[in-house]
Amino acid sequence: MTTRILALSAAWAVCAAAQTAKSPIPRTSDGHPDLEGVWTNATLTPMERPAKYANRPTLTDAEAKEFEKNAAKELADVDGKSESPLLAAAGSNGTGGYNILFIDRGSELARVDGVKRTSLIIDPADGKIPPKTKESQKRMASIIRSYMVYDSVKDRPASERCLVGFGSTSGPPMMPVLYNNNYQIVQTKDAIMILVEMVHDVRVIRMNATHAPSSVRQWLGDSIGHWEGDTLVVDTTNFNDQTLFEGASPDMHVIERFQRIDASTILYKVTIDDPATFTRQWIMEYPFVAARGPVYEYACHEGNYAMTDILGGARKIDAEKKH
């Protein structure tokens, strides 16, 4: 009997090991991890940790399941309504501009190292964006004032004009938002291309290159990459003055790390460094999970009737003020 129990225990141990063993990481012909494919970073985990989870960077699976259940109910309750906290966060309170058909923010909290995270920010430890400099606060106030100008199309924010995705979907950093969180990666020895579903933005990472002169400023910055072991490290500078992630300056420096930890997951870790905006560096970390694809075209300009409505509404208000 003892021998049989030992044999069964050994078999169970083998099965458990097989279940927990990570699948092999696909590699390219030159030996580097193969990052190609379609991925999604959709997640219910917010960038900053909610107050109710202060000092709790992770949740148990039971707690996470309850959180996810409540999030699903919140989404279902929004359908057909014109006002709700979720619609307010999306900027469409009072109009019902989004129904749940369009919302695809994921259904789970981000799981890293086997546990569910309560914030994308992992450093500082409180899961909050570090305090901003006085210079940054003035810059942000100016940006907010500019959002209230409706004289022409060129006055409106870049995302309204379909120039880049809202919420830094293209990045860097590449952030999860309300919908369209898919990315397609194409990898070669000399360059890596990331096609972003939102607004069909394209990032090109030049491998083992040097940055363009500081006078050359780009919408998504100038990204160069290199391998550190099995981790792709991407260094981005040279932003223009119109993307401004979280009110950052054009001199923001972003360092991204892409680590394929198994066949279906890339762990994305990103450091934000901008002394003109933030009082210290800060770091986010979350998974990109394999998705079926394909990434369909996002024809933002072709259907952007909202721009006509926005400017038309402003002209109507102007006319009413004259009477």
C-alpha atoms as a PDB file:
ATOM      1  CA  MET A   1       0.000   0.000   0.000  1.00  0.00           C
ATOM      2  CA  THR A   2       2.835   2.382   0.951  1.00  0.00           C
ATOM      3  CA  THR A   3       4.556   1.706  -2.381  1.00  0.00           C
ATOM      4  CA  ARG A   4       1.337   2.437  -4.257  1.00  0.00           C
ATOM      5  CA  ILE A   5       0.829   5.724  -2.383  1.00  0.00           C
ATOM      6  CA  LEU A   6       4.409   6.785  -3.113  1.00  0.00           C
ATOM      7  CA  ALA A   7       3.936   5.938  -6.774  1.00  0.00           C
ATOM      8  CA  LEU A   8       0.708   7.924  -6.938  1.00  0.00           C
ATOM      9  CA  SER A   9       2.357  10.855  -5.152  1.00  0.00           C
ATOM     10  CA  ALA A  10       5.211  10.796  -7.641  1.00  0.00           C
ATOM     11  CA  ALA A  11       2.730  10.750 -10.536  1.00  0.00           C
ATOM     12  CA  TRP A  12       0.804  13.661  -9.081  1.00  0.00           C
ATOM     13  CA  ALA A  13       4.042  15.595  -8.639  1.00  0.00           C
ATOM     14  CA  VAL A  14       4.953  14.998 -12.280  1.00  0.00           C
ATOM     15  CA  CYS A  15       1.500  16.144 -13.403  1.00  0.00           C
ATOM     16  CA  ALA A  16       1.688  19.252 -11.234  1.00  0.00           C
ATOM     17  CA  ALA A  17       5.122  20.082 -12.571  1.00  0.00           C
ATOM     18  CA  ALA A  18       3.863  19.640 -16.131  1.00  0.00           C
ATOM     19  CA  GLN A  19       0.928  21.939 -15.452  1.00  0.00           C
ATOM     20  CA  THR A  20       3.077  24.691 -13.922  1.00  0.00           C
ATOM     21  CA  ALA A  21       5.988  24.438 -16.369  1.00  0.00           C
ATOM     22  CA  LYS A  22       6.127  27.360 -18.749  1.00  0.00           C
ATOM     23  CA  SER A  23       5.818  26.701 -22.437  1.00  0.00           C
ATOM     24  CA  PRO A  24       9.037  27.225 -24.405  1.00  0.00           C
ATOM     25  CA  ILE A  25       9.702  30.720 -25.699  1.00  0.00           C
ATOM     26  CA  PRO A  26       9.659  30.937 -29.506  1.00  0.00           C
ATOM     27  CA  ARG A  27      12.921  32.275 -30.926  1.00  0.00           C
ATOM     28  CA  THR A  28      14.049  33.823 -34.189  1.00  0.00           C
ATOM     29  CA  SER A  29      16.815  32.391 -36.365  1.00  0.00           C
ATOM     30  CA  ASP A  30      19.371  34.620 -34.601  1.00  0.00           C
ATOM     31  CA  GLY A  31      18.380  33.248 -31.197  1.00  0.00           C
ATOM     32  CA  HIS A  32      16.465  36.206 -29.790  1.00  0.00           C
ATOM     33  CA  PRO A  33      12.935  35.769 -28.385  1.00  0.00           C
ATOM     34  CA  ASP A  34      10.338  36.028 -31.135  1.00  0.00           C
ATOM     35  CA  LEU A  35       7.929  38.832 -30.262  1.00  0.00           C
ATOM     36  CA  GLU A  36       5.930  38.640 -33.479  1.00  0.00           C
ATOM     37  CA  GLY A  37       2.193  38.243 -33.377  1.00  0.00           C
ATOM     38  CA  VAL A  38      -0.926  40.047 -32.197  1.00  0.00           C
ATOM     39  CA  TRP A  39      -1.086  41.086 -28.554  1.00  0.00           C
ATOM     40  CA  THR A  40      -3.461  42.913 -26.229  1.00  0.00           C
ATOM     41  CA  ASN A  41      -2.773  44.883 -23.056  1.00  0.00           C
ATOM     42  CA  ALA A  42      -6.470  45.304 -22.165  1.00  0.00           C
ATOM     43  CA  THR A  43      -6.908  45.155 -18.401  1.00  0.00           C
ATOM     44  CA  LEU A  44      -9.183  46.358 -15.620  1.00  0.00           C
ATOM     45  CA  THR A  45      -6.151  47.312 -13.534  1.00  0.00           C
ATOM     46  CA  PRO A  46      -5.972  51.119 -13.369  1.00  0.00           C
ATOM     47  CA  MET A  47      -2.743  53.041 -13.846  1.00  0.00           C
ATOM     48  CA  GLU A  48      -2.883  54.395 -10.286  1.00  0.00           C
ATOM     49  CA  ARG A  49      -3.893  52.325  -7.263  1.00  0.00           C
ATOM     50  CA  PRO A  50      -7.400  53.099  -5.944  1.00  0.00           C
ATOM     51  CA  ALA A  51      -7.574  54.460  -2.397  1.00  0.00           C
ATOM     52  CA  LYS A  52      -9.481  51.385  -1.206  1.00  0.00           C
ATOM     53  CA  TYR A  53      -6.413  49.271  -1.997  1.00  0.00           C
ATOM     54  CA  ALA A  54      -3.818  51.544  -0.388  1.00  0.00           C
ATOM     55  CA  ASN A  55      -0.746  49.529   0.631  1.00  0.00           C
ATOM     56  CA  ARG A  56      -2.134  46.525  -1.264  1.00  0.00           C
ATOM     57  CA  PRO A  57      -0.269  46.068  -4.561  1.00  0.00           C
ATOM     58  CA  THR A  58      -1.933  42.690  -5.165  1.00  0.00           C
ATOM     59  CA  LEU A  59      -5.225  40.904  -4.457  1.00  0.00           C
ATOM     60  CA  THR A  60      -6.021  37.291  -3.794  1.00  0.00           C
ATOM     61  CA  ASP A  61      -7.703  35.437  -6.626  1.00  0.00           C
ATOM     62  CA  ALA A  62     -10.982  35.497  -4.676  1.00  0.00           C
ATOM     63  CA  GLU A  63     -10.763  39.262  -4.181  1.00  0.00           C
ATOM     64  CA  ALA A  64      -9.812  39.776  -7.820  1.00  0.00           C
ATOM     65  CA  LYS A  65     -12.770  37.686  -8.949  1.00  0.00           C
ATOM     66  CA  GLU A  66     -15.141  39.845  -6.902  1.00  0.00           C
ATOM     67  CA  PHE A  67     -13.578  43.021  -8.342  1.00  0.00           C
ATOM     68  CA  GLU A  68     -13.951  41.672 -11.879  1.00  0.00           C
ATOM     69  CA  LYS A  69     -17.549  40.632 -11.223  1.00  0.00           C
ATOM     70  CA  ASN A  70     -18.408  44.145 -10.031  1.00  0.00           C
ATOM     71  CA  ALA A  71     -16.675  45.665 -13.078  1.00  0.00           C
ATOM     72  CA  ALA A  72     -18.749  43.475 -15.398  1.00  0.00           C
ATOM     73  CA  LYS A  73     -21.933  44.571 -13.619  1.00  0.00           C
ATOM     74  CA  GLU A  74     -20.873  48.238 -13.856  1.00  0.00           C
ATOM     75  CA  LEU A  75     -20.408  47.841 -17.605  1.00  0.00           C
ATOM     76  CA  ALA A  76     -23.754  46.092 -18.074  1.00  0.00           C
ATOM     77  CA  ASP A  77     -25.514  48.814 -16.072  1.00  0.00           C
ATOM     78  CA  VAL A  78     -24.125  51.526 -18.386  1.00  0.00           C
ATOM     79  CA  ASP A  79     -25.794  50.149 -21.504  1.00  0.00           C
ATOM     80  CA  GLY A  80     -28.439  52.546 -22.790  1.00  0.00           C
ATOM     81  CA  LYS A  81     -27.631  55.278 -20.255  1.00  0.00           C
ATOM     82  CA  SER A  82     -26.333  58.760 -20.955  1.00  0.00           C
ATOM     83  CA  GLU A  83     -24.673  59.292 -17.578  1.00  0.00           C
ATOM     84  CA  SER A  84     -22.571  57.130 -15.265  1.00  0.00           C
ATOM     85  CA  PRO A  85     -19.147  57.239 -13.572  1.00  0.00           C
ATOM     86  CA  LEU A  86     -17.772  55.051 -16.373  1.00  0.00           C
ATOM     87  CA  LEU A  87     -19.075  57.382 -19.096  1.00  0.00           C
ATOM     88  CA  ALA A  88     -17.771  60.374 -17.151  1.00  0.00           C
ATOM     89  CA  ALA A  89     -14.300  58.794 -17.084  1.00  0.00           C
ATOM     90  CA  ALA A  90     -14.574  58.306 -20.858  1.00  0.00           C
ATOM     91  CA  GLY A  91     -15.505  61.950 -21.343  1.00  0.00           C
ATOM     92  CA  SER A  92     -18.980  61.252 -22.703  1.00  0.00           C
ATOM     93  CA  ASN A  93     -21.244  61.879 -19.716  1.00  0.00           C
ATOM     94  CA  GLY A  94     -24.532  63.474 -20.759  1.00  0.00           C
ATOM     95  CA  THR A  95     -24.341  62.179 -24.305  1.00  0.00           C
ATOM     96  CA  GLY A  96     -24.177  58.422 -23.907  1.00  0.00           C
ATOM     97  CA  GLY A  97     -21.461  58.555 -26.544  1.00  0.00           C
ATOM     98  CA  TYR A  98     -20.275  55.025 -25.750  1.00  0.00           C
ATOM     99  CA  ASN A  99     -22.480  51.983 -25.429  1.00  0.00           C
ATOM    100  CA  ILE A 100     -21.071  48.689 -24.221  1.00  0.00           C
ATOM    101  CA  LEU A 101     -20.707  47.393 -27.790  1.00  0.00           C
ATOM    102  CA  PHE A 102     -17.702  49.691 -28.181  1.00  0.00           C
ATOM    103  CA  ILE A 103     -16.141  49.208 -24.753  1.00  0.00           C
ATOM    104  CA  ASP A 104     -13.428  46.540 -24.687  1.00  0.00           C
ATOM    105  CA  ARG A 105     -11.324  47.334 -21.644  1.00  0.00           C
ATOM    106  CA  GLY A 106     -10.703  43.706 -20.715  1.00  0.00           C
ATOM    107  CA  SER A 107     -12.430  41.593 -18.113  1.00  0.00           C
ATOM    108  CA  GLU A 108      -9.627  40.865 -15.619  1.00  0.00           C
ATOM    109  CA  LEU A 109      -7.050  42.576 -13.486  1.00  0.00           C
ATOM    110  CA  ALA A 110      -3.487  42.292 -14.773  1.00  0.00           C
ATOM    111  CA  ARG A 111      -1.715  39.171 -13.526  1.00  0.00           C
ATOM    112  CA  VAL A 112       2.049  39.410 -13.020  1.00  0.00           C
ATOM    113  CA  ASP A 113       4.197  36.839 -11.211  1.00  0.00           C
ATOM    114  CA  GLY A 114       1.063  34.791 -10.608  1.00  0.00           C
ATOM    115  CA  VAL A 115      -0.909  37.458  -8.736  1.00  0.00           C
ATOM    116  CA  LYS A 116      -3.445  40.120  -9.694  1.00  0.00           C
ATOM    117  CA  ARG A 117      -2.198  43.712  -9.519  1.00  0.00           C
ATOM    118  CA  THR A 118      -4.169  46.709  -8.194  1.00  0.00           C
ATOM    119  CA  SER A 119      -2.188  49.298 -10.215  1.00  0.00           C
ATOM    120  CA  LEU A 120      -0.027  49.402 -13.308  1.00  0.00           C
ATOM    121  CA  ILE A 121       2.418  51.617 -11.404  1.00  0.00           C
ATOM    122  CA  ILE A 122       4.815  49.529  -9.322  1.00  0.00           C
ATOM    123  CA  ASP A 123       7.277  52.273  -8.366  1.00  0.00           C
ATOM    124  CA  PRO A 124       6.604  54.410  -6.300  1.00  0.00           C
ATOM    125  CA  ALA A 125       5.360  51.697  -3.986  1.00  0.00           C
ATOM    126  CA  ASP A 126       2.087  53.530  -3.318  1.00  0.00           C
ATOM    127  CA  GLY A 127       1.080  52.980  -6.957  1.00  0.00           C
ATOM    128  CA  LYS A 128       0.666  56.704  -7.630  1.00  0.00           C
ATOM    129  CA  ILE A 129       2.202  59.093 -10.162  1.00  0.00           C
ATOM    130  CA  PRO A 130       4.930  61.059  -8.354  1.00  0.00           C
ATOM    131  CA  PRO A 131       4.233  64.722  -7.536  1.00  0.00           C
ATOM    132  CA  LYS A 132       4.654  67.056 -10.487  1.00  0.00           C
ATOM    133  CA  THR A 133       6.941  70.061 -10.692  1.00  0.00           C
ATOM    134  CA  LYS A 134       5.601  73.623 -10.644  1.00  0.00           C
ATOM    135  CA  GLU A 135       6.729  73.961 -14.261  1.00  0.00           C
ATOM    136  CA  SER A 136       4.621  70.942 -15.180  1.00  0.00           C
ATOM    137  CA  GLN A 137       1.566  72.253 -13.317  1.00  0.00           C
ATOM    138  CA  LYS A 138       1.724  75.496 -15.303  1.00  0.00           C
ATOM    139  CA  ARG A 139       2.138  73.543 -18.544  1.00  0.00           C
ATOM    140  CA  MET A 140      -0.862  71.343 -17.722  1.00  0.00           C
ATOM    141  CA  ALA A 141      -3.028  74.372 -16.916  1.00  0.00           C
ATOM    142  CA  SER A 142      -2.139  75.833 -20.308  1.00  0.00           C
ATOM    143  CA  ILE A 143      -3.038  72.553 -22.017  1.00  0.00           C
ATOM    144  CA  ILE A 144      -6.420  72.449 -20.274  1.00  0.00           C
ATOM    145  CA  ARG A 145      -7.147  76.041 -21.328  1.00  0.00           C
ATOM    146  CA  SER A 146      -6.293  75.149 -24.924  1.00  0.00           C
ATOM    147  CA  TYR A 147      -8.952  72.405 -24.875  1.00  0.00           C
ATOM    148  CA  MET A 148     -11.568  75.162 -24.531  1.00  0.00           C
ATOM    149  CA  VAL A 149     -10.639  76.773 -27.867  1.00  0.00           C
ATOM    150  CA  TYR A 150     -12.938  75.876 -30.780  1.00  0.00           C
ATOM    151  CA  ASP A 151     -11.947  78.359 -33.499  1.00  0.00           C
ATOM    152  CA  SER A 152     -10.675  75.745 -35.975  1.00  0.00           C
ATOM    153  CA  VAL A 153      -9.880  72.069 -36.391  1.00  0.00           C
ATOM    154  CA  LYS A 154      -6.232  72.811 -35.598  1.00  0.00           C
ATOM    155  CA  ASP A 155      -7.184  74.034 -32.123  1.00  0.00           C
ATOM    156  CA  ARG A 156      -8.556  70.669 -31.079  1.00  0.00           C
ATOM    157  CA  PRO A 157      -6.510  67.951 -29.299  1.00  0.00           C
ATOM    158  CA  ALA A 158      -4.523  65.528 -31.462  1.00  0.00           C
ATOM    159  CA  SER A 159      -6.733  62.547 -30.590  1.00  0.00           C
ATOM    160  CA  GLU A 160      -9.908  64.404 -31.617  1.00  0.00           C
ATOM    161  CA  ARG A 161      -8.248  65.090 -34.956  1.00  0.00           C
ATOM    162  CA  CYS A 162      -7.349  61.393 -35.403  1.00  0.00           C
ATOM    163  CA  LEU A 163      -3.626  62.198 -35.428  1.00  0.00           C
ATOM    164  CA  VAL A 164      -2.732  59.838 -32.565  1.00  0.00           C
ATOM    165  CA  GLY A 165      -4.731  57.616 -30.257  1.00  0.00           C
ATOM    166  CA  PHE A 166      -6.066  59.056 -27.011  1.00  0.00           C
ATOM    167  CA  GLY A 167      -4.631  58.013 -23.662  1.00  0.00           C
ATOM    168  CA  SER A 168      -1.143  57.169 -25.017  1.00  0.00           C
ATOM    169  CA  THR A 169      -2.230  53.957 -26.723  1.00  0.00           C
ATOM    170  CA  SER A 170       0.679  54.283 -29.160  1.00  0.00           C
ATOM    171  CA  GLY A 171       3.028  55.493 -26.519  1.00  0.00           C
ATOM    172  CA  PRO A 172       5.513  55.201 -25.421  1.00  0.00           C
ATOM    173  CA  PRO A 173       4.401  54.231 -22.874  1.00  0.00           C
ATOM    174  CA  MET A 174       1.778  52.062 -24.597  1.00  0.00           C
ATOM    175  CA  MET A 175      -1.214  52.318 -22.280  1.00  0.00           C
ATOM    176  CA  PRO A 176      -4.427  50.262 -22.129  1.00  0.00           C
ATOM    177  CA  VAL A 177      -7.566  52.337 -22.654  1.00  0.00           C
ATOM    178  CA  LEU A 178     -11.318  51.892 -23.097  1.00  0.00           C
ATOM    179  CA  TYR A 179     -11.128  49.932 -26.351  1.00  0.00           C
ATOM    180  CA  ASN A 180      -8.854  49.033 -29.303  1.00  0.00           C
ATOM    181  CA  ASN A 181      -6.038  47.640 -27.163  1.00  0.00           C
ATOM    182  CA  ASN A 182      -4.537  45.365 -29.823  1.00  0.00           C
ATOM    183  CA  TYR A 183      -1.007  45.534 -31.212  1.00  0.00           C
ATOM    184  CA  GLN A 184       0.745  43.639 -33.992  1.00  0.00           C
ATOM    185  CA  ILE A 185       4.519  43.204 -33.808  1.00  0.00           C
ATOM    186  CA  VAL A 186       6.683  42.460 -36.846  1.00  0.00           C
ATOM    187  CA  GLN A 187      10.309  41.714 -36.015  1.00  0.00           C
ATOM    188  CA  THR A 188      13.500  41.761 -38.092  1.00  0.00           C
ATOM    189  CA  LYS A 189      17.167  41.967 -37.159  1.00  0.00           C
ATOM    190  CA  ASP A 190      17.382  45.685 -37.985  1.00  0.00           C
ATOM    191  CA  ALA A 191      13.947  46.985 -36.991  1.00  0.00           C
ATOM    192  CA  ILE A 192      10.830  46.098 -35.020  1.00  0.00           C
ATOM    193  CA  MET A 193       7.454  47.475 -36.094  1.00  0.00           C
ATOM    194  CA  ILE A 194       4.470  47.808 -33.756  1.00  0.00           C
ATOM    195  CA  LEU A 195       1.123  48.412 -35.451  1.00  0.00           C
ATOM    196  CA  VAL A 196      -1.310  49.974 -32.980  1.00  0.00           C
ATOM    197  CA  GLU A 197      -5.009  49.254 -33.435  1.00  0.00           C
ATOM    198  CA  MET A 198      -6.098  52.662 -32.133  1.00  0.00           C
ATOM    199  CA  VAL A 199      -5.923  55.207 -34.998  1.00  0.00           C
ATOM    200  CA  HIS A 200      -3.711  52.719 -36.875  1.00  0.00           C
ATOM    201  CA  ASP A 201      -0.535  54.295 -35.490  1.00  0.00           C
ATOM    202  CA  VAL A 202       2.786  52.666 -36.347  1.00  0.00           C
ATOM    203  CA  ARG A 203       5.918  52.606 -34.225  1.00  0.00           C
ATOM    204  CA  VAL A 204       9.255  51.722 -35.834  1.00  0.00           C
ATOM    205  CA  ILE A 205      12.053  50.748 -33.438  1.00  0.00           C
ATOM    206  CA  ARG A 206      15.475  50.961 -35.054  1.00  0.00           C
ATOM    207  CA  MET A 207      17.783  48.309 -33.622  1.00  0.00           C
ATOM    208  CA  ASN A 208      21.321  49.124 -32.452  1.00  0.00           C
ATOM    209  CA  ALA A 209      21.048  52.647 -33.838  1.00  0.00           C
ATOM    210  CA  THR A 210      21.659  56.128 -32.453  1.00  0.00           C
ATOM    211  CA  HIS A 211      19.073  58.807 -31.769  1.00  0.00           C
ATOM    212  CA  ALA A 212      18.313  61.486 -34.321  1.00  0.00           C
ATOM    213  CA  PRO A 213      19.527  65.017 -33.493  1.00  0.00           C
ATOM    214  CA  SER A 214      17.493  66.732 -30.764  1.00  0.00           C
ATOM    215  CA  SER A 215      16.103  69.124 -33.380  1.00  0.00           C
ATOM    216  CA  VAL A 216      14.187  66.212 -34.958  1.00  0.00           C
ATOM    217  CA  ARG A 217      10.924  65.818 -33.021  1.00  0.00           C
ATOM    218  CA  GLN A 218       8.344  63.108 -33.718  1.00  0.00           C
ATOM    219  CA  TRP A 219       4.792  62.298 -32.646  1.00  0.00           C
ATOM    220  CA  LEU A 220       5.816  59.007 -31.015  1.00  0.00           C
ATOM    221  CA  GLY A 221       9.384  60.009 -30.281  1.00  0.00           C
ATOM    222  CA  ASP A 222      12.535  58.423 -31.695  1.00  0.00           C
ATOM    223  CA  SER A 223      12.813  54.792 -30.566  1.00  0.00           C
ATOM    224  CA  ILE A 224      16.008  52.749 -30.723  1.00  0.00           C
ATOM    225  CA  GLY A 225      16.335  49.208 -29.402  1.00  0.00           C
ATOM    226  CA  HIS A 226      18.875  46.629 -28.305  1.00  0.00           C
ATOM    227  CA  TRP A 227      18.826  43.237 -26.650  1.00  0.00           C
ATOM    228  CA  GLU A 228      19.936  42.687 -23.075  1.00  0.00           C
ATOM    229  CA  GLY A 229      19.928  38.911 -22.891  1.00  0.00           C
ATOM    230  CA  ASP A 230      16.338  37.882 -23.678  1.00  0.00           C
ATOM    231  CA  THR A 231      14.887  41.343 -22.983  1.00  0.00           C
ATOM    232  CA  LEU A 232      14.257  43.885 -25.725  1.00  0.00           C
ATOM    233  CA  VAL A 233      15.151  47.323 -24.363  1.00  0.00           C
ATOM    234  CA  VAL A 234      13.717  50.331 -26.223  1.00  0.00           C
ATOM    235  CA  ASP A 235      14.981  53.852 -25.518  1.00  0.00           C
ATOM    236  CA  THR A 236      12.768  56.733 -26.730  1.00  0.00           C
ATOM    237  CA  THR A 237      13.489  60.473 -26.808  1.00  0.00           C
ATOM    238  CA  ASN A 238      12.796  63.390 -29.198  1.00  0.00           C
ATOM    239  CA  PHE A 239       9.047  63.775 -28.628  1.00  0.00           C
ATOM    240  CA  ASN A 240       7.198  66.705 -30.144  1.00  0.00           C
ATOM    241  CA  ASP A 241       5.195  69.151 -28.027  1.00  0.00           C
ATOM    242  CA  GLN A 242       1.763  67.715 -28.884  1.00  0.00           C
ATOM    243  CA  THR A 243       1.622  64.225 -27.381  1.00  0.00           C
ATOM    244  CA  LEU A 244       2.668  65.100 -23.804  1.00  0.00           C
ATOM    245  CA  PHE A 245       1.870  61.932 -21.831  1.00  0.00           C
ATOM    246  CA  GLU A 246       0.447  62.979 -18.444  1.00  0.00           C
ATOM    247  CA  GLY A 247       1.525  66.537 -19.224  1.00  0.00           C
ATOM    248  CA  ALA A 248       5.149  65.531 -19.729  1.00  0.00           C
ATOM    249  CA  SER A 249       7.624  67.761 -21.531  1.00  0.00           C
ATOM    250  CA  PRO A 250       8.993  67.044 -25.024  1.00  0.00           C
ATOM    251  CA  ASP A 251      12.235  66.024 -23.253  1.00  0.00           C
ATOM    252  CA  MET A 252      10.594  63.013 -21.622  1.00  0.00           C
ATOM    253  CA  HIS A 253      12.798  59.917 -21.748  1.00  0.00           C
ATOM    254  CA  VAL A 254      11.051  56.530 -21.843  1.00  0.00           C
ATOM    255  CA  ILE A 255      12.750  53.158 -21.386  1.00  0.00           C
ATOM    256  CA  GLU A 256      10.647  50.101 -22.266  1.00  0.00           C
ATOM    257  CA  ARG A 257      11.504  46.468 -21.609  1.00  0.00           C
ATOM    258  CA  PHE A 258       9.760  43.656 -23.492  1.00  0.00           C
ATOM    259  CA  GLN A 259      10.334  40.215 -21.990  1.00  0.00           C
ATOM    260  CA  ARG A 260       8.574  37.208 -23.489  1.00  0.00           C
ATOM    261  CA  ILE A 261       8.016  35.082 -20.430  1.00  0.00           C
ATOM    262  CA  ASP A 262       6.078  32.282 -22.151  1.00  0.00           C
ATOM    263  CA  ALA A 263       4.380  31.412 -25.423  1.00  0.00           C
ATOM    264  CA  SER A 264       1.389  33.648 -24.718  1.00  0.00           C
ATOM    265  CA  THR A 265       2.741  36.533 -22.634  1.00  0.00           C
ATOM    266  CA  ILE A 266       5.086  39.492 -23.017  1.00  0.00           C
ATOM    267  CA  LEU A 267       5.889  41.271 -19.759  1.00  0.00           C
ATOM    268  CA  TYR A 268       6.040  45.010 -20.471  1.00  0.00           C
ATOM    269  CA  LYS A 269       7.974  47.211 -18.049  1.00  0.00           C
ATOM    270  CA  VAL A 270       8.356  50.933 -18.698  1.00  0.00           C
ATOM    271  CA  THR A 271      10.288  53.672 -16.904  1.00  0.00           C
ATOM    272  CA  ILE A 272       9.248  57.330 -17.236  1.00  0.00           C
ATOM    273  CA  ASP A 273      12.009  59.883 -16.723  1.00  0.00           C
ATOM    274  CA  ASP A 274      11.236  63.592 -17.087  1.00  0.00           C
ATOM    275  CA  PRO A 275      12.728  65.889 -14.407  1.00  0.00           C
ATOM    276  CA  ALA A 276      10.900  68.866 -15.950  1.00  0.00           C
ATOM    277  CA  THR A 277       7.580  67.206 -15.109  1.00  0.00           C
ATOM    278  CA  PHE A 278       7.922  64.577 -12.376  1.00  0.00           C
ATOM    279  CA  THR A 279       9.883  64.852  -9.138  1.00  0.00           C
ATOM    280  CA  ARG A 280      11.273  61.349  -9.646  1.00  0.00           C
ATOM    281  CA  GLN A 281      11.347  58.496 -12.142  1.00  0.00           C
ATOM    282  CA  TRP A 282       8.428  56.072 -12.044  1.00  0.00           C
ATOM    283  CA  ILE A 283       7.793  52.588 -13.374  1.00  0.00           C
ATOM    284  CA  MET A 284       4.795  50.636 -14.674  1.00  0.00           C
ATOM    285  CA  GLU A 285       4.567  46.918 -15.412  1.00  0.00           C
ATOM    286  CA  TYR A 286       1.818  44.824 -17.021  1.00  0.00           C
ATOM    287  CA  PRO A 287       1.375  41.939 -19.465  1.00  0.00           C
ATOM    288  CA  PHE A 288       0.677  41.911 -23.184  1.00  0.00           C
ATOM    289  CA  VAL A 289      -1.282  38.710 -23.843  1.00  0.00           C
ATOM    290  CA  ALA A 290      -1.437  36.848 -27.146  1.00  0.00           C
ATOM    291  CA  ALA A 291      -4.615  37.581 -29.129  1.00  0.00           C
ATOM    292  CA  ARG A 292      -6.141  35.867 -32.141  1.00  0.00           C
ATOM    293  CA  GLY A 293      -6.116  38.859 -34.451  1.00  0.00           C
ATOM    294  CA  PRO A 294      -6.141  40.121 -37.082  1.00  0.00           C
ATOM    295  CA  VAL A 295      -5.900  43.826 -36.264  1.00  0.00           C
ATOM    296  CA  TYR A 296      -8.549  45.493 -38.412  1.00  0.00           C
ATOM    297  CA  GLU A 297      -8.209  48.962 -39.874  1.00  0.00           C
ATOM    298  CA  TYR A 298      -9.304  51.793 -37.606  1.00  0.00           C
ATOM    299  CA  ALA A 299     -10.626  54.393 -40.052  1.00  0.00           C
ATOM    300  CA  CYS A 300     -10.824  57.343 -37.654  1.00  0.00           C
ATOM    301  CA  HIS A 301     -10.659  60.196 -40.160  1.00  0.00           C
ATOM    302  CA  GLU A 302     -13.227  58.669 -42.497  1.00  0.00           C
ATOM    303  CA  GLY A 303     -15.859  58.537 -39.767  1.00  0.00           C
ATOM    304  CA  ASN A 304     -14.849  61.568 -37.723  1.00  0.00           C
ATOM    305  CA  TYR A 305     -18.187  63.381 -37.975  1.00  0.00           C
ATOM    306  CA  ALA A 306     -17.724  64.410 -34.330  1.00  0.00           C
ATOM    307  CA  MET A 307     -15.314  67.158 -35.409  1.00  0.00           C
ATOM    308  CA  THR A 308     -18.045  68.792 -37.498  1.00  0.00           C
ATOM    309  CA  ASP A 309     -20.447  68.496 -34.571  1.00  0.00           C
ATOM    310  CA  ILE A 310     -17.925  69.971 -32.093  1.00  0.00           C
ATOM    311  CA  LEU A 311     -17.138  73.035 -34.210  1.00  0.00           C
ATOM    312  CA  GLY A 312     -20.759  73.377 -35.317  1.00  0.00           C
ATOM    313  CA  GLY A 313     -21.874  73.378 -31.689  1.00  0.00           C
ATOM    314  CA  ALA A 314     -19.319  76.087 -30.881  1.00  0.00           C
ATOM    315  CA  ARG A 315     -20.624  78.246 -33.744  1.00  0.00           C
ATOM    316  CA  LYS A 316     -24.173  77.797 -32.444  1.00  0.00           C
ATOM    317  CA  ILE A 317     -23.107  78.952 -28.975  1.00  0.00           C
ATOM    318  CA  ASP A 318     -21.302  81.932 -30.517  1.00  0.00           C
ATOM    319  CA  ALA A 319     -24.464  82.911 -32.405  1.00  0.00           C
ATOM    320  CA  GLU A 320     -26.615  82.615 -29.255  1.00  0.00           C
ATOM    321  CA  LYS A 321     -24.252  84.893 -27.338  1.00  0.00           C
ATOM    322  CA  LYS A 322     -24.799  87.643 -29.938  1.00  0.00           C
ATOM    323  CA  HIS A 323     -28.564  87.663 -29.343  1.00  0.00           C
END
